N, C-alpha and C. Protein backbone atom coordinates (compact mmCIF):
# COMPACT_ATOMS: atom_id res chain seq x y z
N MET A 1 4.70 7.12 7.91
CA MET A 1 4.33 6.31 6.36
C MET A 1 4.72 4.79 7.15
N ASP A 2 3.73 3.61 7.24
CA ASP A 2 3.56 2.65 7.03
C ASP A 2 4.22 1.85 6.71
N LYS A 3 5.76 1.62 7.26
CA LYS A 3 6.39 0.69 5.76
C LYS A 3 6.68 -0.91 6.48
N THR A 4 5.86 -0.67 7.65
CA THR A 4 6.25 -2.73 8.54
C THR A 4 5.02 -3.75 7.69
N PRO A 5 6.10 -4.94 7.86
CA PRO A 5 6.06 -5.81 6.77
C PRO A 5 4.43 -6.32 6.61
N ARG A 6 3.56 -5.58 8.20
CA ARG A 6 1.91 -6.42 7.87
C ARG A 6 0.77 -5.55 7.32
N TYR A 7 1.64 -4.22 6.87
CA TYR A 7 1.22 -2.98 6.07
C TYR A 7 1.12 -3.42 4.81
N ILE A 8 2.54 -3.78 4.39
CA ILE A 8 2.88 -4.34 2.86
C ILE A 8 2.06 -5.46 2.54
N LEU A 9 1.94 -6.50 3.18
CA LEU A 9 0.78 -7.59 3.01
C LEU A 9 -0.68 -6.70 2.65
N MET A 10 -1.20 -5.81 3.80
CA MET A 10 -1.81 -5.91 3.32
C MET A 10 -2.56 -5.24 2.22
N SER A 11 -1.71 -4.26 1.77
CA SER A 11 -1.60 -3.11 1.11
C SER A 11 -1.40 -4.19 -0.48
N GLU A 12 -1.06 -4.74 -0.50
CA GLU A 12 -0.38 -6.14 -1.81
C GLU A 12 -1.42 -7.00 -1.76
N LYS A 13 -1.89 -7.20 -0.80
CA LYS A 13 -3.54 -8.35 -1.18
C LYS A 13 -4.51 -7.48 -1.03
N ALA A 14 -4.90 -5.93 -0.66
CA ALA A 14 -5.95 -5.16 -1.27
C ALA A 14 -5.88 -4.43 -2.84
N ILE A 15 -5.86 -5.28 -3.78
CA ILE A 15 -5.97 -5.14 -4.98
C ILE A 15 -7.36 -3.95 -5.68
N LYS A 16 -8.36 -4.20 -5.11
CA LYS A 16 -8.59 -3.12 -5.65
C LYS A 16 -8.54 -1.59 -5.52
N ILE A 17 -7.49 -1.40 -4.34
CA ILE A 17 -6.91 -0.44 -4.10
C ILE A 17 -5.89 -0.04 -4.73
N GLN A 18 -4.93 -0.80 -5.21
CA GLN A 18 -3.42 -1.04 -5.94
C GLN A 18 -4.41 -0.34 -7.24
N GLU A 19 -5.34 -1.11 -7.96
CA GLU A 19 -6.04 -0.39 -9.10
C GLU A 19 -6.41 0.82 -9.39
N ALA A 20 -7.24 0.85 -7.84
CA ALA A 20 -7.68 2.23 -7.64
C ALA A 20 -6.89 3.98 -8.02
N LEU A 21 -5.54 3.32 -7.39
CA LEU A 21 -4.30 4.33 -6.94
C LEU A 21 -3.26 4.03 -7.91
N LYS A 22 -3.02 3.37 -8.68
CA LYS A 22 -2.24 3.06 -8.99
C LYS A 22 -1.37 4.62 -9.78
N ASP A 23 -2.04 5.47 -10.33
CA ASP A 23 -2.12 6.27 -11.19
C ASP A 23 -1.07 7.44 -10.26
N VAL A 24 -1.39 7.44 -8.85
CA VAL A 24 -1.12 8.71 -8.18
C VAL A 24 -0.20 8.09 -6.80
N PHE A 25 0.52 6.73 -7.23
CA PHE A 25 1.72 6.31 -6.15
C PHE A 25 2.52 6.88 -6.78
N ASP A 26 2.93 8.09 -5.25
CA ASP A 26 4.44 7.80 -5.67
C ASP A 26 5.80 7.01 -5.52
N PHE A 27 6.31 6.12 -6.21
CA PHE A 27 7.15 5.10 -6.47
C PHE A 27 8.29 5.53 -4.99
N ARG A 28 8.84 6.50 -5.46
CA ARG A 28 10.15 7.11 -4.51
C ARG A 28 9.74 6.85 -2.65
N PHE A 29 8.64 6.75 -2.81
CA PHE A 29 8.51 7.42 -1.02
C PHE A 29 7.36 5.87 -0.86
N GLN A 30 6.84 5.61 -1.71
CA GLN A 30 5.81 4.50 -1.59
C GLN A 30 5.71 3.23 -2.19
N GLY A 31 6.27 2.63 -3.00
CA GLY A 31 6.75 1.57 -3.40
C GLY A 31 7.34 0.73 -2.76
N TYR A 32 7.07 -0.86 -3.04
CA TYR A 32 7.69 -1.94 -2.84
C TYR A 32 7.78 -2.85 -3.64
N CYS A 33 9.08 -3.85 -3.36
CA CYS A 33 9.28 -4.45 -4.73
C CYS A 33 8.75 -5.98 -4.18
N THR A 34 8.25 -6.83 -4.37
CA THR A 34 7.64 -8.18 -4.33
C THR A 34 8.47 -8.87 -4.66
N LYS A 35 9.02 -9.04 -5.06
CA LYS A 35 10.44 -9.81 -6.45
C LYS A 35 11.13 -10.06 -4.85
N HIS A 36 12.30 -8.81 -4.52
CA HIS A 36 13.33 -8.85 -3.68
C HIS A 36 12.74 -8.63 -2.14
N ARG A 37 11.44 -8.03 -1.77
CA ARG A 37 11.05 -8.05 -0.47
C ARG A 37 11.68 -6.73 -0.23
N CYS A 38 11.80 -5.84 -1.17
CA CYS A 38 12.63 -4.77 -0.37
C CYS A 38 11.58 -3.16 -1.17
N LEU A 39 11.84 -1.97 -0.02
CA LEU A 39 11.20 -1.04 -0.58
C LEU A 39 12.12 -0.31 -2.20
N LEU A 40 10.82 0.51 -2.60
CA LEU A 40 11.72 0.83 -3.82
C LEU A 40 12.71 2.06 -3.36
N THR A 41 13.52 2.63 -4.06
CA THR A 41 14.09 3.74 -4.09
C THR A 41 14.68 4.21 -5.34
N GLU A 42 15.29 5.75 -4.94
CA GLU A 42 15.42 6.25 -6.11
C GLU A 42 16.94 6.17 -5.94
N GLY A 43 17.52 5.63 -7.48
CA GLY A 43 18.72 5.12 -8.06
C GLY A 43 19.81 6.76 -7.84
N TYR A 44 21.16 6.17 -8.22
CA TYR A 44 22.11 7.27 -8.57
C TYR A 44 21.71 7.73 -9.67
N ASP A 45 21.00 7.13 -10.91
CA ASP A 45 20.81 7.97 -12.04
C ASP A 45 19.08 8.75 -12.02
N GLY A 46 18.77 8.79 -11.20
CA GLY A 46 17.20 9.33 -10.90
C GLY A 46 16.48 8.10 -11.52
N SER A 47 16.68 6.84 -11.55
CA SER A 47 15.17 6.04 -11.73
C SER A 47 15.25 5.36 -10.82
N VAL A 48 13.83 4.91 -10.37
CA VAL A 48 13.38 4.51 -9.51
C VAL A 48 13.50 2.70 -9.32
N ASP A 49 13.94 2.23 -8.38
CA ASP A 49 14.10 0.99 -8.80
C ASP A 49 14.31 -0.04 -7.32
N CYS A 50 14.17 -0.89 -7.05
CA CYS A 50 14.40 -1.45 -5.76
C CYS A 50 16.05 -1.85 -5.37
N LYS A 51 16.49 -2.03 -4.27
CA LYS A 51 17.43 -1.44 -3.70
C LYS A 51 18.27 -2.63 -4.52
N VAL A 52 17.77 -4.20 -4.83
CA VAL A 52 18.50 -5.40 -5.35
C VAL A 52 18.95 -4.96 -6.69
N TYR A 53 17.83 -4.79 -7.17
CA TYR A 53 18.20 -4.46 -8.92
C TYR A 53 18.82 -3.29 -8.63
N GLY A 54 18.68 -2.18 -8.32
CA GLY A 54 19.82 -1.17 -8.55
C GLY A 54 20.95 -1.34 -8.09
N GLU A 55 21.55 -2.27 -7.22
CA GLU A 55 22.67 -2.89 -7.17
C GLU A 55 23.21 -3.46 -8.25
N TRP A 56 22.29 -4.37 -8.91
CA TRP A 56 23.45 -5.03 -9.88
C TRP A 56 23.29 -4.14 -11.37
N LEU A 57 22.52 -3.20 -11.35
CA LEU A 57 22.54 -2.39 -12.37
C LEU A 57 23.67 -1.20 -12.32
N SER A 58 23.71 -1.07 -11.18
CA SER A 58 24.73 0.19 -10.89
C SER A 58 26.12 -0.72 -11.44
N SER A 59 26.28 -2.03 -11.01
CA SER A 59 26.92 -3.12 -11.41
C SER A 59 27.75 -3.01 -12.80
N GLN A 60 26.82 -3.03 -13.46
CA GLN A 60 26.61 -3.34 -15.12
C GLN A 60 27.60 -1.80 -16.08
N LYS A 61 27.81 -2.52 -17.23
CA LYS A 61 28.99 -1.22 -17.84
C LYS A 61 27.67 -0.33 -18.34
N GLY A 62 27.37 0.60 -18.21
CA GLY A 62 27.02 1.53 -18.94
C GLY A 62 25.28 1.06 -18.18
N LEU A 63 24.00 1.93 -18.63
CA LEU A 63 22.67 1.97 -18.84
C LEU A 63 22.16 1.14 -19.38
N PRO A 64 21.20 0.17 -19.25
CA PRO A 64 20.55 -0.41 -20.32
C PRO A 64 19.58 0.82 -21.05
N ASP A 65 19.24 0.21 -22.63
CA ASP A 65 18.63 1.39 -22.82
C ASP A 65 16.72 1.37 -22.12
N ASP A 66 16.32 1.77 -22.51
CA ASP A 66 14.26 1.93 -22.35
C ASP A 66 14.04 0.59 -22.07
N LYS A 67 14.00 0.35 -23.26
CA LYS A 67 12.89 -0.95 -23.43
C LYS A 67 13.92 -2.16 -22.92
N GLU A 68 15.10 -2.38 -22.30
CA GLU A 68 15.55 -2.99 -21.74
C GLU A 68 15.48 -3.25 -20.41
N TYR A 69 15.71 -1.81 -19.57
CA TYR A 69 15.43 -1.39 -18.30
C TYR A 69 13.51 -2.20 -18.08
N LYS A 70 12.79 -1.30 -18.81
CA LYS A 70 11.50 -1.64 -18.73
C LYS A 70 11.07 -3.35 -18.78
N LYS A 71 12.04 -4.21 -19.26
CA LYS A 71 11.98 -5.69 -19.26
C LYS A 71 12.51 -6.36 -17.83
N HIS A 72 12.97 -5.87 -17.58
CA HIS A 72 14.06 -6.22 -15.95
C HIS A 72 13.59 -5.29 -15.03
N SER A 73 13.12 -4.13 -15.22
CA SER A 73 12.96 -3.42 -13.64
C SER A 73 12.00 -3.82 -12.73
N CYS A 74 12.48 -3.69 -11.81
CA CYS A 74 11.16 -4.11 -10.49
C CYS A 74 10.07 -3.37 -10.72
N LEU A 75 10.38 -1.97 -11.11
CA LEU A 75 9.37 -0.88 -11.39
C LEU A 75 8.80 -1.37 -11.59
N TYR A 76 8.67 -2.08 -13.44
CA TYR A 76 7.81 -1.81 -14.12
C TYR A 76 7.28 -3.89 -13.81
N ARG A 77 7.78 -4.10 -13.19
CA ARG A 77 6.98 -5.45 -13.42
C ARG A 77 6.82 -6.57 -11.55
N HIS A 78 7.20 -6.10 -10.83
CA HIS A 78 7.12 -6.62 -9.53
C HIS A 78 6.85 -5.18 -8.30
N TRP A 79 6.06 -3.99 -8.34
CA TRP A 79 5.84 -3.34 -7.91
C TRP A 79 5.00 -3.21 -7.13
N ILE A 80 4.59 -2.97 -5.68
CA ILE A 80 2.95 -2.63 -5.34
C ILE A 80 3.01 -1.28 -4.61
N GLY A 81 2.24 -0.36 -4.84
CA GLY A 81 2.00 0.70 -3.43
C GLY A 81 1.45 0.55 -2.09
N LEU A 82 2.17 1.43 -1.65
CA LEU A 82 1.52 1.50 -0.08
C LEU A 82 1.10 3.27 0.31
N PRO A 83 -0.55 2.56 0.13
CA PRO A 83 -0.90 3.90 0.41
C PRO A 83 -1.09 4.64 1.50
N TYR A 84 -0.84 6.03 1.10
CA TYR A 84 -1.00 6.97 2.40
C TYR A 84 -2.15 7.40 2.74
N GLN A 85 -2.01 7.17 4.41
CA GLN A 85 -3.67 7.72 5.50
C GLN A 85 -4.71 8.66 4.39
N ASP A 86 -3.90 9.75 3.70
CA ASP A 86 -4.89 10.89 3.49
C ASP A 86 -5.38 10.10 1.68
N GLN A 87 -4.45 9.44 0.71
CA GLN A 87 -5.21 8.24 -0.18
C GLN A 87 -6.21 7.67 0.13
N LEU A 88 -6.39 6.93 1.42
CA LEU A 88 -7.26 5.80 1.27
C LEU A 88 -8.27 7.00 1.74
N GLN A 89 -8.30 8.22 2.74
CA GLN A 89 -9.10 8.59 3.33
C GLN A 89 -10.36 9.27 1.82
N GLU A 90 -9.33 9.83 0.82
CA GLU A 90 -9.92 10.60 -0.17
C GLU A 90 -10.88 9.80 -0.94
N MET A 91 -10.89 8.38 -0.63
CA MET A 91 -11.46 7.14 -1.86
C MET A 91 -12.80 7.31 -0.74
N LEU A 92 -13.04 7.76 0.14
CA LEU A 92 -14.35 7.54 1.22
C LEU A 92 -15.07 9.25 -0.07
N GLY A 93 -14.72 10.01 -0.58
CA GLY A 93 -15.45 11.40 -0.81
C GLY A 93 -14.85 12.54 -0.44
N GLU A 94 -15.64 13.84 -1.04
CA GLU A 94 -14.96 14.68 -0.59
C GLU A 94 -14.97 15.24 0.85
N ASN A 95 -15.89 15.04 1.94
CA ASN A 95 -16.78 15.69 3.01
C ASN A 95 -16.23 15.44 3.95
N GLN A 96 -14.47 16.24 4.37
CA GLN A 96 -13.89 15.52 5.35
C GLN A 96 -14.23 15.16 6.56
N ILE A 97 -15.52 15.88 6.94
CA ILE A 97 -16.28 15.43 8.56
C ILE A 97 -16.95 14.77 8.75
N ALA A 98 -17.93 14.26 7.16
CA ALA A 98 -18.79 12.84 7.20
C ALA A 98 -17.43 11.70 7.09
N ARG A 99 -16.45 11.95 6.25
CA ARG A 99 -15.47 10.52 6.54
C ARG A 99 -14.94 10.51 7.68
N LEU A 100 -14.89 11.56 8.88
CA LEU A 100 -14.13 11.20 10.01
C LEU A 100 -15.11 10.92 11.18
N SER A 101 -16.29 11.29 10.98
CA SER A 101 -17.66 10.65 11.29
C SER A 101 -18.32 9.47 10.85
N LEU A 102 -18.31 8.73 10.19
CA LEU A 102 -18.25 7.62 9.48
C LEU A 102 -16.88 6.77 10.14
N PHE A 103 -15.77 6.93 10.06
CA PHE A 103 -14.48 6.28 10.78
C PHE A 103 -15.15 6.37 12.28
N SER A 104 -15.25 6.84 12.80
CA SER A 104 -15.45 7.14 14.20
C SER A 104 -16.65 5.97 14.59
N GLU A 105 -17.61 6.23 13.80
CA GLU A 105 -18.74 5.41 14.33
C GLU A 105 -18.38 3.68 13.90
N TRP A 106 -17.79 3.63 13.15
CA TRP A 106 -17.26 2.35 12.72
C TRP A 106 -16.56 1.14 13.95
N ILE A 107 -15.45 2.56 14.24
CA ILE A 107 -14.71 2.29 15.29
C ILE A 107 -15.81 1.53 16.40
N VAL A 108 -16.54 2.65 16.99
CA VAL A 108 -17.03 2.59 17.90
C VAL A 108 -18.13 1.68 17.99
N GLU A 109 -19.11 1.44 17.24
CA GLU A 109 -19.85 0.55 16.85
C GLU A 109 -19.40 -1.08 16.35
N THR A 110 -18.75 -1.21 15.89
CA THR A 110 -18.13 -2.16 14.62
C THR A 110 -16.75 -2.85 15.47
N LEU A 111 -15.89 -2.36 15.71
CA LEU A 111 -14.52 -2.98 16.47
C LEU A 111 -14.65 -3.10 18.02
N GLU A 112 -14.87 -2.46 18.75
CA GLU A 112 -14.87 -2.33 20.46
C GLU A 112 -15.91 -3.02 20.73
N PRO A 113 -17.32 -4.04 20.12
CA PRO A 113 -17.89 -4.62 20.84
C PRO A 113 -17.68 -5.63 20.72
N VAL A 114 -16.48 -5.89 19.74
CA VAL A 114 -16.51 -7.64 19.87
C VAL A 114 -14.74 -7.39 20.17
N GLY A 115 -14.21 -6.40 20.63
CA GLY A 115 -13.12 -6.58 21.99
C GLY A 115 -12.08 -6.37 20.47
N ILE A 116 -11.96 -5.58 19.56
CA ILE A 116 -10.76 -5.31 19.03
C ILE A 116 -10.82 -3.82 19.17
N TYR A 117 -9.60 -3.27 19.74
CA TYR A 117 -9.02 -1.83 20.08
C TYR A 117 -8.22 -1.54 19.35
N ALA A 118 -8.28 -0.10 18.75
CA ALA A 118 -7.30 0.01 17.45
C ALA A 118 -6.13 -0.24 17.91
N SER A 119 -5.82 0.36 19.22
CA SER A 119 -4.45 0.32 19.70
C SER A 119 -3.90 -1.27 19.71
N ASP A 120 -4.39 -1.84 19.81
CA ASP A 120 -4.25 -3.57 19.87
C ASP A 120 -3.86 -4.10 18.49
N GLU A 121 -4.95 -3.98 18.04
CA GLU A 121 -5.20 -4.81 16.43
C GLU A 121 -3.75 -4.20 15.51
N PHE A 122 -3.81 -2.78 15.81
CA PHE A 122 -3.27 -2.32 14.06
C PHE A 122 -2.28 -1.28 14.51
N GLU A 123 -1.46 -1.35 13.87
CA GLU A 123 -0.07 -1.18 13.98
C GLU A 123 0.26 0.80 13.84
N SER A 124 -1.08 0.62 13.06
CA SER A 124 -0.70 2.13 12.56
C SER A 124 -2.27 3.12 11.73
N LEU A 125 -2.61 4.18 11.69
CA LEU A 125 -3.82 4.56 11.39
C LEU A 125 -3.56 4.29 9.72
N GLU A 126 -2.68 4.07 9.10
CA GLU A 126 -2.60 3.36 7.53
C GLU A 126 -3.28 2.01 7.86
N GLN A 127 -2.92 1.24 8.65
CA GLN A 127 -3.48 0.40 8.96
C GLN A 127 -5.33 -0.09 8.89
N LEU A 128 -5.14 0.88 9.94
CA LEU A 128 -6.94 0.78 9.80
C LEU A 128 -7.07 1.42 9.32
N TRP A 129 -7.17 2.69 8.64
CA TRP A 129 -7.64 3.34 7.67
C TRP A 129 -8.62 2.42 6.34
N LEU A 130 -6.70 1.63 5.94
CA LEU A 130 -6.86 0.71 5.10
C LEU A 130 -8.15 -0.51 5.53
N VAL A 131 -7.96 -1.04 6.36
CA VAL A 131 -9.48 -2.34 6.87
C VAL A 131 -10.63 -1.34 6.85
N PHE A 132 -10.89 -0.16 7.27
CA PHE A 132 -12.06 0.66 7.13
C PHE A 132 -12.49 0.81 5.02
N VAL A 133 -11.50 1.27 4.51
CA VAL A 133 -11.98 1.38 3.19
C VAL A 133 -12.45 0.37 2.21
N MET A 134 -11.44 -0.50 2.94
CA MET A 134 -11.80 -2.36 2.16
C MET A 134 -13.05 -2.38 3.00
N LYS A 135 -13.60 -2.13 3.98
CA LYS A 135 -14.59 -2.29 4.27
C LYS A 135 -16.36 -1.62 3.81
N GLU A 136 -15.64 -0.39 3.82
CA GLU A 136 -16.65 0.30 2.96
C GLU A 136 -17.15 0.44 1.81
N LYS A 137 -16.00 0.37 0.65
CA LYS A 137 -15.91 0.41 -0.85
C LYS A 137 -16.47 -1.22 -1.11
N TYR A 138 -15.43 -2.02 -0.34
CA TYR A 138 -15.18 -3.48 -1.30
C TYR A 138 -16.11 -4.68 -0.20
N ASN A 139 -16.15 -4.06 0.84
CA ASN A 139 -17.41 -4.99 1.90
C ASN A 139 -16.42 -6.13 2.01
N LYS A 140 -14.98 -5.79 2.43
CA LYS A 140 -14.14 -6.81 2.58
C LYS A 140 -13.60 -6.85 4.30
N ILE A 141 -12.96 -8.07 4.86
CA ILE A 141 -12.52 -7.67 6.07
C ILE A 141 -11.28 -8.41 6.09
N TRP A 142 -9.93 -8.23 7.01
CA TRP A 142 -8.56 -8.65 7.29
C TRP A 142 -8.84 -9.16 8.33
N LYS A 143 -8.26 -10.63 7.42
CA LYS A 143 -8.72 -11.58 8.21
C LYS A 143 -7.69 -13.03 8.34
N ASP A 144 -7.04 -13.74 9.42
CA ASP A 144 -5.68 -14.23 8.50
C ASP A 144 -5.27 -14.20 7.45
N ASN A 145 -4.40 -12.95 7.41
CA ASN A 145 -3.38 -12.59 6.50
C ASN A 145 -4.10 -12.44 5.41
N LYS A 146 -5.68 -12.50 5.14
CA LYS A 146 -6.18 -12.03 3.76
C LYS A 146 -7.40 -11.34 3.83
N TRP A 147 -8.13 -10.93 2.82
CA TRP A 147 -9.07 -10.14 2.60
C TRP A 147 -9.99 -10.92 2.43
N LEU A 148 -11.11 -10.75 3.04
CA LEU A 148 -12.21 -11.69 2.62
C LEU A 148 -13.84 -11.26 3.11
N LYS A 149 -14.51 -11.60 1.99
CA LYS A 149 -15.96 -11.03 1.73
C LYS A 149 -16.62 -11.10 3.09
N TYR A 150 -17.38 -9.53 3.44
CA TYR A 150 -17.76 -9.58 4.78
C TYR A 150 -19.16 -9.93 4.50
N PHE A 151 -19.86 -10.84 4.91
CA PHE A 151 -21.17 -11.27 4.78
C PHE A 151 -22.24 -10.34 5.73
C-alpha cells in the first residue's frame, strides 16, 4: 500500500475517486487525516482516528459521547481514503484481461513515446493506476501537483 506524500496528495485531489470509493475505504488501513497530516489508526478503544486526535482523546477523562466524537473526530471531518490498486482496477469494469490490456497499451502508446517511463515517473503501481483511471474515466492528467483536464 502506497502511503507516500505524493500518493496522498494525488488521492486527496482526485475528488471523483474519493466520491466513488467513499463507502468501501477501510479507514484503519487506507485513511489519512488532512488536518494533522498523519495516517489514520485504530484507537485503544477500537475507534479509528488520526494519531494526533487519538492522543488528545486518550488524555481526556472518559470518552466523549457519540455526538461529541463525530463533532471533533478527524475521521468524520478531515479524512481522505487511499485507494488500493485493486479498487482502482475495478473502477474500469469487470473484465480483468481487458483492463490489463488497456493499461499496457496506455503505457506503451501514451507514456513511453513522450519519454515518461513508469519506473522513473511513478513511485508505485497505485500511483500509475490512479493516473490511468483518472485519464480513462475523467479525462484528467496529473501535472504540477494537480489534476488537469486533458484536451
